[in-house]
């Protein structure tokens, strides 16, 4: 859902948290909405937006999201 990577409103974040609780899941990871600024989270870490535009058309830089247990780390080139 693109809305979570485009400045979601508090009510949208509430719906996301309810949905995650029902699944159950801790977070949602989404792509397909390019952010050349890099991987980021919204809704207090409930959603992670990972499309950094690595295709030649966008010219983004490689990044990855590493999730180990409860620890979430954005891996970036130095």
C-alpha atoms as a PDB file:
ATOM      1  CA  UNK A   1       0.000   0.000   0.000  1.00  0.00           C
ATOM      2  CA  UNK A   2       1.728   3.158  -1.201  1.00  0.00           C
ATOM      3  CA  UNK A   3       0.011   5.408   1.319  1.00  0.00           C
ATOM      4  CA  UNK A   4       2.285   4.183   4.095  1.00  0.00           C
ATOM      5  CA  UNK A   5       5.340   5.492   2.242  1.00  0.00           C
ATOM      6  CA  UNK A   6       3.766   8.861   1.444  1.00  0.00           C
ATOM      7  CA  UNK A   7       3.396  10.552   4.834  1.00  0.00           C
ATOM      8  CA  UNK A   8       0.619   8.416   6.324  1.00  0.00           C
ATOM      9  CA  UNK A   9      -1.982  10.070   8.509  1.00  0.00           C
ATOM     10  CA  UNK A  10      -2.364   8.952  12.149  1.00  0.00           C
ATOM     11  CA  UNK A  11      -5.666   7.180  11.345  1.00  0.00           C
ATOM     12  CA  UNK A  12      -3.921   5.178   8.593  1.00  0.00           C
ATOM     13  CA  UNK A  13      -1.209   4.146  11.051  1.00  0.00           C
ATOM     14  CA  UNK A  14      -3.926   3.032  13.496  1.00  0.00           C
ATOM     15  CA  UNK A  15      -5.458   0.808  10.802  1.00  0.00           C
ATOM     16  CA  UNK A  16      -2.031  -0.632  10.027  1.00  0.00           C
ATOM     17  CA  UNK A  17      -1.391  -1.467  13.688  1.00  0.00           C
ATOM     18  CA  UNK A  18      -4.801  -3.160  13.959  1.00  0.00           C
ATOM     19  CA  UNK A  19      -4.079  -5.161  10.813  1.00  0.00           C
ATOM     20  CA  UNK A  20      -0.646  -6.234  12.052  1.00  0.00           C
ATOM     21  CA  UNK A  21      -2.143  -7.323  15.365  1.00  0.00           C
ATOM     22  CA  UNK A  22      -4.781  -9.416  13.573  1.00  0.00           C
ATOM     23  CA  UNK A  23      -2.266 -11.255  11.377  1.00  0.00           C
ATOM     24  CA  UNK A  24      -0.184 -11.300  13.803  1.00  0.00           C
ATOM     25  CA  UNK A  25       2.923  -9.477  12.563  1.00  0.00           C
ATOM     26  CA  UNK A  26       5.289  -6.863  13.937  1.00  0.00           C
ATOM     27  CA  UNK A  27       5.818  -4.782  10.828  1.00  0.00           C
ATOM     28  CA  UNK A  28       5.025  -4.349   7.152  1.00  0.00           C
ATOM     29  CA  UNK A  29       7.831  -4.031   4.572  1.00  0.00           C
ATOM     30  CA  UNK A  30       6.880  -2.422   1.271  1.00  0.00           C
ATOM     31  CA  UNK A  31       8.456  -1.373  -2.010  1.00  0.00           C
ATOM     32  CA  UNK A  32       7.246   0.047  -5.319  1.00  0.00           C
ATOM     33  CA  UNK A  33       7.281   3.679  -4.167  1.00  0.00           C
ATOM     34  CA  UNK A  34      10.757   5.030  -4.899  1.00  0.00           C
ATOM     35  CA  UNK A  35      12.516   7.137  -2.272  1.00  0.00           C
ATOM     36  CA  UNK A  36      16.031   7.985  -3.419  1.00  0.00           C
ATOM     37  CA  UNK A  37      16.702   9.362   0.070  1.00  0.00           C
ATOM     38  CA  UNK A  38      16.936   5.766   1.293  1.00  0.00           C
ATOM     39  CA  UNK A  39      15.133   3.157   3.365  1.00  0.00           C
ATOM     40  CA  UNK A  40      12.948   4.655   6.098  1.00  0.00           C
ATOM     41  CA  UNK A  41      10.158   3.767   8.475  1.00  0.00           C
ATOM     42  CA  UNK A  42       6.785   5.310   9.234  1.00  0.00           C
ATOM     43  CA  UNK A  43       4.035   4.727  11.782  1.00  0.00           C
ATOM     44  CA  UNK A  44       6.596   4.404  14.590  1.00  0.00           C
ATOM     45  CA  UNK A  45       8.418   1.545  12.884  1.00  0.00           C
ATOM     46  CA  UNK A  46       5.285  -0.418  11.960  1.00  0.00           C
ATOM     47  CA  UNK A  47       6.053   0.011   8.241  1.00  0.00           C
ATOM     48  CA  UNK A  48       9.395   0.070   6.409  1.00  0.00           C
ATOM     49  CA  UNK A  49       9.678   1.542   2.918  1.00  0.00           C
ATOM     50  CA  UNK A  50      12.585  -0.058   1.110  1.00  0.00           C
ATOM     51  CA  UNK A  51      12.397   0.969  -2.578  1.00  0.00           C
ATOM     52  CA  UNK A  52      15.511   3.127  -3.014  1.00  0.00           C
ATOM     53  CA  UNK A  53      15.337   3.270  -6.820  1.00  0.00           C
ATOM     54  CA  UNK A  54      18.349   1.087  -7.618  1.00  0.00           C
ATOM     55  CA  UNK A  55      17.299   0.763 -11.287  1.00  0.00           C
ATOM     56  CA  UNK A  56      19.475   2.779 -13.670  1.00  0.00           C
ATOM     57  CA  UNK A  57      16.468   4.981 -14.486  1.00  0.00           C
ATOM     58  CA  UNK A  58      16.291   6.287 -10.882  1.00  0.00           C
ATOM     59  CA  UNK A  59      20.008   6.215 -10.038  1.00  0.00           C
ATOM     60  CA  UNK A  60      19.497   5.197  -6.417  1.00  0.00           C
ATOM     61  CA  UNK A  61      22.162   3.588  -4.237  1.00  0.00           C
ATOM     62  CA  UNK A  62      22.043   0.020  -2.893  1.00  0.00           C
ATOM     63  CA  UNK A  63      20.456  -0.376   0.526  1.00  0.00           C
ATOM     64  CA  UNK A  64      18.905  -3.278   2.378  1.00  0.00           C
ATOM     65  CA  UNK A  65      16.772  -3.856   5.443  1.00  0.00           C
ATOM     66  CA  UNK A  66      18.061  -6.486   7.853  1.00  0.00           C
ATOM     67  CA  UNK A  67      15.648  -7.909  10.408  1.00  0.00           C
ATOM     68  CA  UNK A  68      17.052 -10.250  13.047  1.00  0.00           C
ATOM     69  CA  UNK A  69      14.587 -11.036  15.818  1.00  0.00           C
ATOM     70  CA  UNK A  70      13.305  -7.672  17.000  1.00  0.00           C
ATOM     71  CA  UNK A  71      16.309  -5.719  15.691  1.00  0.00           C
ATOM     72  CA  UNK A  72      15.826  -3.799  12.433  1.00  0.00           C
ATOM     73  CA  UNK A  73      18.905  -2.332  10.708  1.00  0.00           C
ATOM     74  CA  UNK A  74      19.248  -0.377   7.493  1.00  0.00           C
ATOM     75  CA  UNK A  75      22.387  -1.480   5.634  1.00  0.00           C
ATOM     76  CA  UNK A  76      23.942   1.263   3.506  1.00  0.00           C
ATOM     77  CA  UNK A  77      27.156   1.669   1.592  1.00  0.00           C
ATOM     78  CA  UNK A  78      29.636   3.824   3.505  1.00  0.00           C
END
